[in-house]
Full PDB file with SEQRES, HELIX, SHEET, SSBOND, CRYST1, ORIGX, SCALE, CONECT and MASTER records, all heavy atoms in Angstrom:
SEQRES   1 A   31  VAL LYS ALA LEU ASN THR TYR PRO LEU LYS SER LEU LYS          
SEQRES   2 A   31  ARG GLY LEU GLY ASP LYS ASN ILE ALA VAL ARG PHE ALA          
SEQRES   3 A   31  GLU VAL THR PHE THR                                          
SHEET    1 AA1 2 VAL A  23  PHE A  25  0                                        
SHEET    2 AA1 2 VAL A  28  PHE A  30 -1                                        
CRYST1    1.000    1.000    1.000  90.00  90.00  90.00 P 1           1          
ORIGX1      1.000000  0.000000  0.000000        0.00000                         
ORIGX2      0.000000  1.000000  0.000000        0.00000                         
ORIGX3      0.000000  0.000000  1.000000        0.00000                         
SCALE1      1.000000  0.000000  0.000000        0.00000                         
SCALE2      0.000000  1.000000  0.000000        0.00000                         
SCALE3      0.000000  0.000000  1.000000        0.00000                         
ATOM      1  N   VAL A   1       0.855  -1.190   0.000  1.00  0.00           N  
ATOM      2  CA  VAL A   1       0.000   0.000   0.000  1.00  0.00           C  
ATOM      3  C   VAL A   1       0.887   1.236   0.000  1.00  0.00           C  
ATOM      4  O   VAL A   1       1.688   1.435   0.917  1.00  0.00           O  
ATOM      5  CB  VAL A   1      -0.956   0.061   1.217  1.00  0.00           C  
ATOM      6  CG1 VAL A   1      -1.761   1.356   1.205  1.00  0.00           C  
ATOM      7  CG2 VAL A   1      -1.877  -1.147   1.250  1.00  0.00           C  
ATOM      8  N   LYS A   2       0.744   2.036  -1.037  1.00  0.00           N  
ATOM      9  CA  LYS A   2       1.404   3.336  -1.095  1.00  0.00           C  
ATOM     10  C   LYS A   2       0.310   4.384  -1.204  1.00  0.00           C  
ATOM     11  O   LYS A   2      -0.627   4.240  -1.992  1.00  0.00           O  
ATOM     12  CB  LYS A   2       2.352   3.430  -2.283  1.00  0.00           C  
ATOM     13  CG  LYS A   2       3.629   2.615  -2.090  1.00  0.00           C  
ATOM     14  CD  LYS A   2       4.639   2.908  -3.174  1.00  0.00           C  
ATOM     15  CE  LYS A   2       5.920   2.135  -2.996  1.00  0.00           C  
ATOM     16  NZ  LYS A   2       6.913   2.792  -2.166  1.00  0.00           N  
ATOM     17  N   ALA A   3       0.425   5.432  -0.400  1.00  0.00           N  
ATOM     18  CA  ALA A   3      -0.552   6.518  -0.403  1.00  0.00           C  
ATOM     19  C   ALA A   3       0.164   7.813  -0.039  1.00  0.00           C  
ATOM     20  O   ALA A   3       1.328   7.798   0.386  1.00  0.00           O  
ATOM     21  CB  ALA A   3      -1.676   6.231   0.595  1.00  0.00           C  
ATOM     22  N   LEU A   4      -0.543   8.921  -0.206  1.00  0.00           N  
ATOM     23  CA  LEU A   4       0.061  10.213   0.105  1.00  0.00           C  
ATOM     24  C   LEU A   4       0.219  10.428   1.602  1.00  0.00           C  
ATOM     25  O   LEU A   4       1.210  10.981   2.051  1.00  0.00           O  
ATOM     26  CB  LEU A   4      -0.787  11.340  -0.481  1.00  0.00           C  
ATOM     27  CG  LEU A   4      -0.875  11.403  -1.997  1.00  0.00           C  
ATOM     28  CD1 LEU A   4      -1.790  12.542  -2.430  1.00  0.00           C  
ATOM     29  CD2 LEU A   4       0.512  11.560  -2.618  1.00  0.00           C  
ATOM     30  N   ASN A   5      -0.811  10.009   2.385  1.00  0.00           N  
ATOM     31  CA  ASN A   5      -0.777  10.249   3.822  1.00  0.00           C  
ATOM     32  C   ASN A   5      -1.935   9.510   4.472  1.00  0.00           C  
ATOM     33  O   ASN A   5      -2.650   8.771   3.806  1.00  0.00           O  
ATOM     34  CB  ASN A   5      -0.825  11.751   4.123  1.00  0.00           C  
ATOM     35  CG  ASN A   5       0.012  12.136   5.326  1.00  0.00           C  
ATOM     36  OD1 ASN A   5       0.012  11.429   6.332  1.00  0.00           O  
ATOM     37  ND2 ASN A   5       0.737  13.239   5.219  1.00  0.00           N  
ATOM     38  N   THR A   6      -2.115   9.760   5.761  1.00  0.00           N  
ATOM     39  CA  THR A   6      -3.240   9.190   6.502  1.00  0.00           C  
ATOM     40  C   THR A   6      -4.186  10.304   6.925  1.00  0.00           C  
ATOM     41  O   THR A   6      -3.788  11.469   7.040  1.00  0.00           O  
ATOM     42  CB  THR A   6      -2.759   8.445   7.760  1.00  0.00           C  
ATOM     43  OG1 THR A   6      -2.048   9.361   8.597  1.00  0.00           O  
ATOM     44  CG2 THR A   6      -1.865   7.278   7.404  1.00  0.00           C  
ATOM     45  N   TYR A   7      -5.450   9.914   7.147  1.00  0.00           N  
ATOM     46  CA  TYR A   7      -6.471  10.838   7.642  1.00  0.00           C  
ATOM     47  C   TYR A   7      -7.571   9.986   8.261  1.00  0.00           C  
ATOM     48  O   TYR A   7      -8.023   9.026   7.628  1.00  0.00           O  
ATOM     49  CB  TYR A   7      -7.010  11.701   6.495  1.00  0.00           C  
ATOM     50  CG  TYR A   7      -7.711  12.954   6.957  1.00  0.00           C  
ATOM     51  CD1 TYR A   7      -6.984  14.033   7.442  1.00  0.00           C  
ATOM     52  CD2 TYR A   7      -9.093  13.054   6.911  1.00  0.00           C  
ATOM     53  CE1 TYR A   7      -7.616  15.192   7.863  1.00  0.00           C  
ATOM     54  CE2 TYR A   7      -9.736  14.203   7.323  1.00  0.00           C  
ATOM     55  CZ  TYR A   7      -8.986  15.271   7.798  1.00  0.00           C  
ATOM     56  OH  TYR A   7      -9.619  16.423   8.227  1.00  0.00           O  
ATOM     57  N   PRO A   8      -8.037  10.288   9.465  1.00  0.00           N  
ATOM     58  CA  PRO A   8      -8.951   9.374  10.157  1.00  0.00           C  
ATOM     59  C   PRO A   8     -10.398   9.359   9.663  1.00  0.00           C  
ATOM     60  O   PRO A   8     -11.147   8.442   9.992  1.00  0.00           O  
ATOM     61  CB  PRO A   8      -8.887   9.852  11.611  1.00  0.00           C  
ATOM     62  CG  PRO A   8      -8.471  11.280  11.531  1.00  0.00           C  
ATOM     63  CD  PRO A   8      -7.598  11.392  10.314  1.00  0.00           C  
ATOM     64  N   LEU A   9     -10.812  10.315   8.863  1.00  0.00           N  
ATOM     65  CA  LEU A   9     -12.209  10.404   8.428  1.00  0.00           C  
ATOM     66  C   LEU A   9     -12.489   9.461   7.265  1.00  0.00           C  
ATOM     67  O   LEU A   9     -11.732   9.425   6.291  1.00  0.00           O  
ATOM     68  CB  LEU A   9     -12.533  11.842   8.007  1.00  0.00           C  
ATOM     69  CG  LEU A   9     -13.974  12.124   7.580  1.00  0.00           C  
ATOM     70  CD1 LEU A   9     -14.926  11.957   8.753  1.00  0.00           C  
ATOM     71  CD2 LEU A   9     -14.078  13.524   6.992  1.00  0.00           C  
ATOM     72  N   LYS A  10     -13.613   8.713   7.343  1.00  0.00           N  
ATOM     73  CA  LYS A  10     -13.994   7.834   6.226  1.00  0.00           C  
ATOM     74  C   LYS A  10     -14.538   8.668   5.071  1.00  0.00           C  
ATOM     75  O   LYS A  10     -14.920   9.824   5.233  1.00  0.00           O  
ATOM     76  CB  LYS A  10     -15.009   6.786   6.671  1.00  0.00           C  
ATOM     77  CG  LYS A  10     -16.364   7.342   7.044  1.00  0.00           C  
ATOM     78  CD  LYS A  10     -17.276   6.227   7.499  1.00  0.00           C  
ATOM     79  CE  LYS A  10     -18.640   6.795   7.914  1.00  0.00           C  
ATOM     80  NZ  LYS A  10     -19.540   5.746   8.373  1.00  0.00           N  
ATOM     81  N   SER A  11     -14.597   8.039   3.911  1.00  0.00           N  
ATOM     82  CA  SER A  11     -15.042   8.738   2.706  1.00  0.00           C  
ATOM     83  C   SER A  11     -16.560   8.738   2.597  1.00  0.00           C  
ATOM     84  O   SER A  11     -17.271   8.054   3.338  1.00  0.00           O  
ATOM     85  CB  SER A  11     -14.449   8.078   1.458  1.00  0.00           C  
ATOM     86  OG  SER A  11     -15.166   6.897   1.154  1.00  0.00           O  
ATOM     87  N   LEU A  12     -17.042   9.467   1.597  1.00  0.00           N  
ATOM     88  CA  LEU A  12     -18.456   9.455   1.245  1.00  0.00           C  
ATOM     89  C   LEU A  12     -18.785   8.140   0.553  1.00  0.00           C  
ATOM     90  O   LEU A  12     -17.897   7.402   0.134  1.00  0.00           O  
ATOM     91  CB  LEU A  12     -18.766  10.622   0.301  1.00  0.00           C  
ATOM     92  CG  LEU A  12     -18.458  12.021   0.846  1.00  0.00           C  
ATOM     93  CD1 LEU A  12     -18.603  13.052  -0.252  1.00  0.00           C  
ATOM     94  CD2 LEU A  12     -19.355  12.338   2.026  1.00  0.00           C  
ATOM     95  N   LYS A  13     -20.059   7.856   0.375  1.00  0.00           N  
ATOM     96  CA  LYS A  13     -20.509   6.625  -0.287  1.00  0.00           C  
ATOM     97  C   LYS A  13     -21.594   6.986  -1.305  1.00  0.00           C  
ATOM     98  O   LYS A  13     -22.767   6.809  -1.074  1.00  0.00           O  
ATOM     99  CB  LYS A  13     -21.080   5.628   0.737  1.00  0.00           C  
ATOM    100  CG  LYS A  13     -20.176   5.338   1.920  1.00  0.00           C  
ATOM    101  CD  LYS A  13     -19.018   4.457   1.537  1.00  0.00           C  
ATOM    102  CE  LYS A  13     -18.260   3.982   2.747  1.00  0.00           C  
ATOM    103  NZ  LYS A  13     -17.019   4.662   2.991  1.00  0.00           N  
ATOM    104  N   ARG A  14     -21.167   7.524  -2.447  1.00  0.00           N  
ATOM    105  CA  ARG A  14     -22.123   7.902  -3.493  1.00  0.00           C  
ATOM    106  C   ARG A  14     -22.046   7.003  -4.720  1.00  0.00           C  
ATOM    107  O   ARG A  14     -22.922   7.041  -5.570  1.00  0.00           O  
ATOM    108  CB  ARG A  14     -21.876   9.351  -3.927  1.00  0.00           C  
ATOM    109  CG  ARG A  14     -22.093  10.369  -2.807  1.00  0.00           C  
ATOM    110  CD  ARG A  14     -21.767  11.744  -3.296  1.00  0.00           C  
ATOM    111  NE  ARG A  14     -20.393  11.758  -3.788  1.00  0.00           N  
ATOM    112  CZ  ARG A  14     -19.576  12.788  -3.753  1.00  0.00           C  
ATOM    113  NH1 ARG A  14     -19.990  13.923  -3.281  1.00  0.00           N  
ATOM    114  NH2 ARG A  14     -18.349  12.704  -4.213  1.00  0.00           N  
ATOM    115  N   GLY A  15     -20.977   6.220  -4.822  1.00  0.00           N  
ATOM    116  CA  GLY A  15     -20.836   5.304  -5.950  1.00  0.00           C  
ATOM    117  C   GLY A  15     -20.403   5.976  -7.235  1.00  0.00           C  
ATOM    118  O   GLY A  15     -20.591   5.429  -8.312  1.00  0.00           O  
ATOM    119  N   LEU A  16     -19.774   7.154  -7.118  1.00  0.00           N  
ATOM    120  CA  LEU A  16     -19.346   7.902  -8.307  1.00  0.00           C  
ATOM    121  C   LEU A  16     -17.901   7.586  -8.657  1.00  0.00           C  
ATOM    122  O   LEU A  16     -17.081   7.356  -7.776  1.00  0.00           O  
ATOM    123  CB  LEU A  16     -19.499   9.399  -8.063  1.00  0.00           C  
ATOM    124  CG  LEU A  16     -20.909   9.881  -7.692  1.00  0.00           C  
ATOM    125  CD1 LEU A  16     -20.885  11.372  -7.385  1.00  0.00           C  
ATOM    126  CD2 LEU A  16     -21.889   9.560  -8.805  1.00  0.00           C  
ATOM    127  N   GLY A  17     -17.601   7.605  -9.952  1.00  0.00           N  
ATOM    128  CA  GLY A  17     -16.226   7.417 -10.392  1.00  0.00           C  
ATOM    129  C   GLY A  17     -16.161   6.597 -11.666  1.00  0.00           C  
ATOM    130  O   GLY A  17     -17.185   6.192 -12.223  1.00  0.00           O  
ATOM    131  N   ASP A  18     -14.933   6.376 -12.119  1.00  0.00           N  
ATOM    132  CA  ASP A  18     -14.684   5.624 -13.348  1.00  0.00           C  
ATOM    133  C   ASP A  18     -13.736   4.477 -13.064  1.00  0.00           C  
ATOM    134  O   ASP A  18     -12.772   4.627 -12.311  1.00  0.00           O  
ATOM    135  CB  ASP A  18     -14.065   6.531 -14.412  1.00  0.00           C  
ATOM    136  CG  ASP A  18     -15.020   7.617 -14.860  1.00  0.00           C  
ATOM    137  OD1 ASP A  18     -16.110   7.275 -15.351  1.00  0.00           O  
ATOM    138  OD2 ASP A  18     -14.679   8.804 -14.703  1.00  0.00           O  
ATOM    139  N   LYS A  19     -13.999   3.334 -13.716  1.00  0.00           N  
ATOM    140  CA  LYS A  19     -13.170   2.137 -13.562  1.00  0.00           C  
ATOM    141  C   LYS A  19     -12.397   1.862 -14.839  1.00  0.00           C  
ATOM    142  O   LYS A  19     -12.917   2.022 -15.940  1.00  0.00           O  
ATOM    143  CB  LYS A  19     -14.061   0.927 -13.271  1.00  0.00           C  
ATOM    144  CG  LYS A  19     -14.766   0.969 -11.935  1.00  0.00           C  
ATOM    145  CD  LYS A  19     -15.909  -0.020 -11.858  1.00  0.00           C  
ATOM    146  CE  LYS A  19     -15.460  -1.399 -11.550  1.00  0.00           C  
ATOM    147  NZ  LYS A  19     -16.591  -2.323 -11.281  1.00  0.00           N  
ATOM    148  N   ASN A  20     -11.157   1.424 -14.642  1.00  0.00           N  
ATOM    149  CA  ASN A  20     -10.299   0.952 -15.729  1.00  0.00           C  
ATOM    150  C   ASN A  20     -10.204   1.912 -16.908  1.00  0.00           C  
ATOM    151  O   ASN A  20     -10.416   1.542 -18.056  1.00  0.00           O  
ATOM    152  CB  ASN A  20     -10.716  -0.461 -16.165  1.00  0.00           C  
ATOM    153  CG  ASN A  20     -10.286  -1.481 -15.124  1.00  0.00           C  
ATOM    154  OD1 ASN A  20      -9.188  -1.393 -14.585  1.00  0.00           O  
ATOM    155  ND2 ASN A  20     -11.152  -2.411 -14.826  1.00  0.00           N  
ATOM    156  N   ILE A  21      -9.865   3.153 -16.575  1.00  0.00           N  
ATOM    157  CA  ILE A  21      -9.523   4.166 -17.574  1.00  0.00           C  
ATOM    158  C   ILE A  21      -8.097   4.616 -17.281  1.00  0.00           C  
ATOM    159  O   ILE A  21      -7.606   4.437 -16.165  1.00  0.00           O  
ATOM    160  CB  ILE A  21     -10.487   5.380 -17.539  1.00  0.00           C  
ATOM    161  CG1 ILE A  21     -10.393   6.097 -16.183  1.00  0.00           C  
ATOM    162  CG2 ILE A  21     -11.913   4.955 -17.849  1.00  0.00           C  
ATOM    163  CD1 ILE A  21     -11.049   7.465 -16.152  1.00  0.00           C  
ATOM    164  N   ALA A  22      -7.436   5.204 -18.246  1.00  0.00           N  
ATOM    165  CA  ALA A  22      -6.099   5.766 -17.992  1.00  0.00           C  
ATOM    166  C   ALA A  22      -6.243   6.937 -17.025  1.00  0.00           C  
ATOM    167  O   ALA A  22      -7.141   7.767 -17.185  1.00  0.00           O  
ATOM    168  CB  ALA A  22      -5.456   6.214 -19.294  1.00  0.00           C  
ATOM    169  N   VAL A  23      -5.395   6.966 -16.006  1.00  0.00           N  
ATOM    170  CA  VAL A  23      -5.381   8.069 -15.035  1.00  0.00           C  
ATOM    171  C   VAL A  23      -3.977   8.647 -14.983  1.00  0.00           C  
ATOM    172  O   VAL A  23      -2.991   7.948 -15.236  1.00  0.00           O  
ATOM    173  CB  VAL A  23      -5.850   7.619 -13.632  1.00  0.00           C  
ATOM    174  CG1 VAL A  23      -7.308   7.168 -13.668  1.00  0.00           C  
ATOM    175  CG2 VAL A  23      -4.975   6.518 -13.053  1.00  0.00           C  
ATOM    176  N   ARG A  24      -3.881   9.923 -14.651  1.00  0.00           N  
ATOM    177  CA  ARG A  24      -2.575  10.580 -14.603  1.00  0.00           C  
ATOM    178  C   ARG A  24      -2.409  11.353 -13.311  1.00  0.00           C  
ATOM    179  O   ARG A  24      -3.239  12.194 -12.964  1.00  0.00           O  
ATOM    180  CB  ARG A  24      -2.395  11.505 -15.801  1.00  0.00           C  
ATOM    181  CG  ARG A  24      -1.012  12.160 -15.812  1.00  0.00           C  
ATOM    182  CD  ARG A  24      -0.676  12.854 -17.120  1.00  0.00           C  
ATOM    183  NE  ARG A  24       0.606  13.503 -17.041  1.00  0.00           N  
ATOM    184  CZ  ARG A  24       1.780  12.916 -17.211  1.00  0.00           C  
ATOM    185  NH1 ARG A  24       1.830  11.640 -17.494  1.00  0.00           N  
ATOM    186  NH2 ARG A  24       2.907  13.581 -17.117  1.00  0.00           N  
ATOM    187  N   PHE A  25      -1.317  11.059 -12.613  1.00  0.00           N  
ATOM    188  CA  PHE A  25      -0.890  11.812 -11.437  1.00  0.00           C  
ATOM    189  C   PHE A  25       0.575  11.484 -11.197  1.00  0.00           C  
ATOM    190  O   PHE A  25       1.108  10.539 -11.784  1.00  0.00           O  
ATOM    191  CB  PHE A  25      -1.770  11.516 -10.207  1.00  0.00           C  
ATOM    192  CG  PHE A  25      -1.829  10.070  -9.801  1.00  0.00           C  
ATOM    193  CD1 PHE A  25      -0.857   9.495  -8.989  1.00  0.00           C  
ATOM    194  CD2 PHE A  25      -2.883   9.271 -10.224  1.00  0.00           C  
ATOM    195  CE1 PHE A  25      -0.923   8.162  -8.618  1.00  0.00           C  
ATOM    196  CE2 PHE A  25      -2.961   7.934  -9.849  1.00  0.00           C  
ATOM    197  CZ  PHE A  25      -1.980   7.386  -9.041  1.00  0.00           C  
ATOM    198  N   ALA A  26       1.233  12.260 -10.366  1.00  0.00           N  
ATOM    199  CA  ALA A  26       2.644  12.040 -10.026  1.00  0.00           C  
ATOM    200  C   ALA A  26       3.520  11.913 -11.279  1.00  0.00           C  
ATOM    201  O   ALA A  26       4.438  11.105 -11.330  1.00  0.00           O  
ATOM    202  CB  ALA A  26       2.800  10.823  -9.118  1.00  0.00           C  
ATOM    203  N   GLU A  27       3.187  12.703 -12.309  1.00  0.00           N  
ATOM    204  CA  GLU A  27       3.971  12.811 -13.543  1.00  0.00           C  
ATOM    205  C   GLU A  27       3.942  11.568 -14.428  1.00  0.00           C  
ATOM    206  O   GLU A  27       4.763  11.423 -15.325  1.00  0.00           O  
ATOM    207  CB  GLU A  27       5.420  13.214 -13.228  1.00  0.00           C  
ATOM    208  CG  GLU A  27       5.520  14.531 -12.476  1.00  0.00           C  
ATOM    209  CD  GLU A  27       6.940  14.886 -12.077  1.00  0.00           C  
ATOM    210  OE1 GLU A  27       7.892  14.285 -12.604  1.00  0.00           O  
ATOM    211  OE2 GLU A  27       7.080  15.770 -11.222  1.00  0.00           O  
ATOM    212  N   VAL A  28       2.987  10.645 -14.176  1.00  0.00           N  
ATOM    213  CA  VAL A  28       2.901   9.402 -14.946  1.00  0.00           C  
ATOM    214  C   VAL A  28       1.446   9.104 -15.286  1.00  0.00           C  
ATOM    215  O   VAL A  28       0.557   9.339 -14.474  1.00  0.00           O  
ATOM    216  CB  VAL A  28       3.513   8.226 -14.140  1.00  0.00           C  
ATOM    217  CG1 VAL A  28       3.177   6.885 -14.757  1.00  0.00           C  
ATOM    218  CG2 VAL A  28       5.019   8.378 -14.020  1.00  0.00           C  
ATOM    219  N   THR A  29       1.229   8.568 -16.485  1.00  0.00           N  
ATOM    220  CA  THR A  29      -0.078   8.031 -16.850  1.00  0.00           C  
ATOM    221  C   THR A  29      -0.070   6.544 -16.541  1.00  0.00           C  
ATOM    222  O   THR A  29       0.849   5.821 -16.939  1.00  0.00           O  
ATOM    223  CB  THR A  29      -0.379   8.275 -18.341  1.00  0.00           C  
ATOM    224  OG1 THR A  29      -0.407   9.685 -18.569  1.00  0.00           O  
ATOM    225  CG2 THR A  29      -1.717   7.669 -18.741  1.00  0.00           C  
ATOM    226  N   PHE A  30      -1.091   6.093 -15.825  1.00  0.00           N  
ATOM    227  CA  PHE A  30      -1.260   4.688 -15.452  1.00  0.00           C  
ATOM    228  C   PHE A  30      -2.375   4.131 -16.331  1.00  0.00           C  
ATOM    229  O   PHE A  30      -3.520   4.569 -16.244  1.00  0.00           O  
ATOM    230  CB  PHE A  30      -1.658   4.560 -13.982  1.00  0.00           C  
ATOM    231  CG  PHE A  30      -0.658   5.130 -13.012  1.00  0.00           C  
ATOM    232  CD1 PHE A  30      -0.654   6.489 -12.719  1.00  0.00           C  
ATOM    233  CD2 PHE A  30       0.269   4.315 -12.384  1.00  0.00           C  
ATOM    234  CE1 PHE A  30       0.251   7.022 -11.810  1.00  0.00           C  
ATOM    235  CE2 PHE A  30       1.177   4.844 -11.478  1.00  0.00           C  
ATOM    236  CZ  PHE A  30       1.169   6.207 -11.199  1.00  0.00           C  
ATOM    237  N   THR A  31      -2.039   3.164 -17.161  1.00  0.00           N  
ATOM    238  CA  THR A  31      -2.991   2.584 -18.096  1.00  0.00           C  
ATOM    239  C   THR A  31      -3.300   1.153 -17.681  1.00  0.00           C  
ATOM    240  O   THR A  31      -2.375   0.360 -17.448  1.00  0.00           O  
ATOM    241  CB  THR A  31      -2.406   2.602 -19.523  1.00  0.00           C  
ATOM    242  OG1 THR A  31      -2.063   3.963 -19.850  1.00  0.00           O  
ATOM    243  CG2 THR A  31      -3.406   2.081 -20.529  1.00  0.00           C  
TER     244      THR A  31                                                      
MASTER        0    0    0    0    2    0    0    6  243    1    0    3          
END                                                                             
């Protein structure tokens, strides 16, 4: 597990987002 940091609050639960698409962060595209 690699992540930016920790935070104790849980996330929202709306079911929004995209699966298995190219994403880009940290100067790299992850395909």
